[in-house]
Each structure stands twice: as structure tokens, then as C-alpha cells.
Amino acid sequence: QGKTYFELFYESNVKDFGKPTKGITLETRYLKEQLDQAITKLGLIGSEKVEFLDWWVPRLQALNSKYIFFSIIEPSEKEKIDHVSYNPEPDTRIEFIAYFKPLPKPFEGKKLELPTTPPARVGFTAVEWGGILDDK
């Protein structure tokens, strides 16, 4: 309808989902820089990145953990716990749910492979990001 919306904010409490097995280690002392690099590869730009970092960096630093496990919830799992419908359907969708968990030492499992280049934004682009903090 010719309108532009900056954001739609919502929170939910999700307990039953497939936790990722691939990931990367973020060092808390370089958290902002490393997280910025990751979300850039996932497709966030400008104010989207600022908002993501402003939300997550303080919460992750407050965990007082030297390392943070970072991953992305699999798209099929995201769809189960966070289905979003658009009308009209976007030409481009950039969407992910980040997964964070404090670690006592660096993660030694399979590495999460992030895109080498961010997705191209063509036409009407919907950007949806979320995050899960697994601090238990």
C-alpha cells in the first residue's frame, strides 16, 4: 500500500526447538566486531545492524563469559517456531534467528559456514531477525 515500516517488534518464549550443532566461537572482548562481521554476511545493513548489536551486545556481555557460541537456527526449525506471513509476498527475504550460548572454552565442534557475500536485495525486501539466548 505504499507504506514503509521501520520495524515490528515482538517477543516470544520458545522452549522446544532443534538446537544448532554447528557454530563459531565469539570472544567476548571482540564481541561487537565479530558479531558485526557475522550479521553483515547474513545480510543486515545500516540501522538493522545497529539495532541488532544494540540489543544483543549488552545482553551477551552481561553473561560474564569469556566465549559465546554463535549459530543460526536451521530454516526448517525457524519455520516451526517463528512463521511470519507477508502480504504481499516480498521479492527478497532476509531472515534468521541467531542462537547464543555462553561457553567456558572455545567451541570445538563443526564450524558454521556463513555466506561469503550477503544476499542481494531485489525489489520489496523483508528483513526479519531474532535471537535465542540459551544461558541454562
Foldseek 3Di string as FASTA:
>chain_A
DPDDDPDDDDDDDDDDFDDDQAWFKDFLVCNLVVVLVQVQLLPDDDPRSVVVCVPPSVVVVVLVARIKTKDWGDPVRCCVVPPDDDVVDFPEEREIEMEIEGDNDTDDTHHDDGHPHYDDHDGGYDYYYHYDYDHD
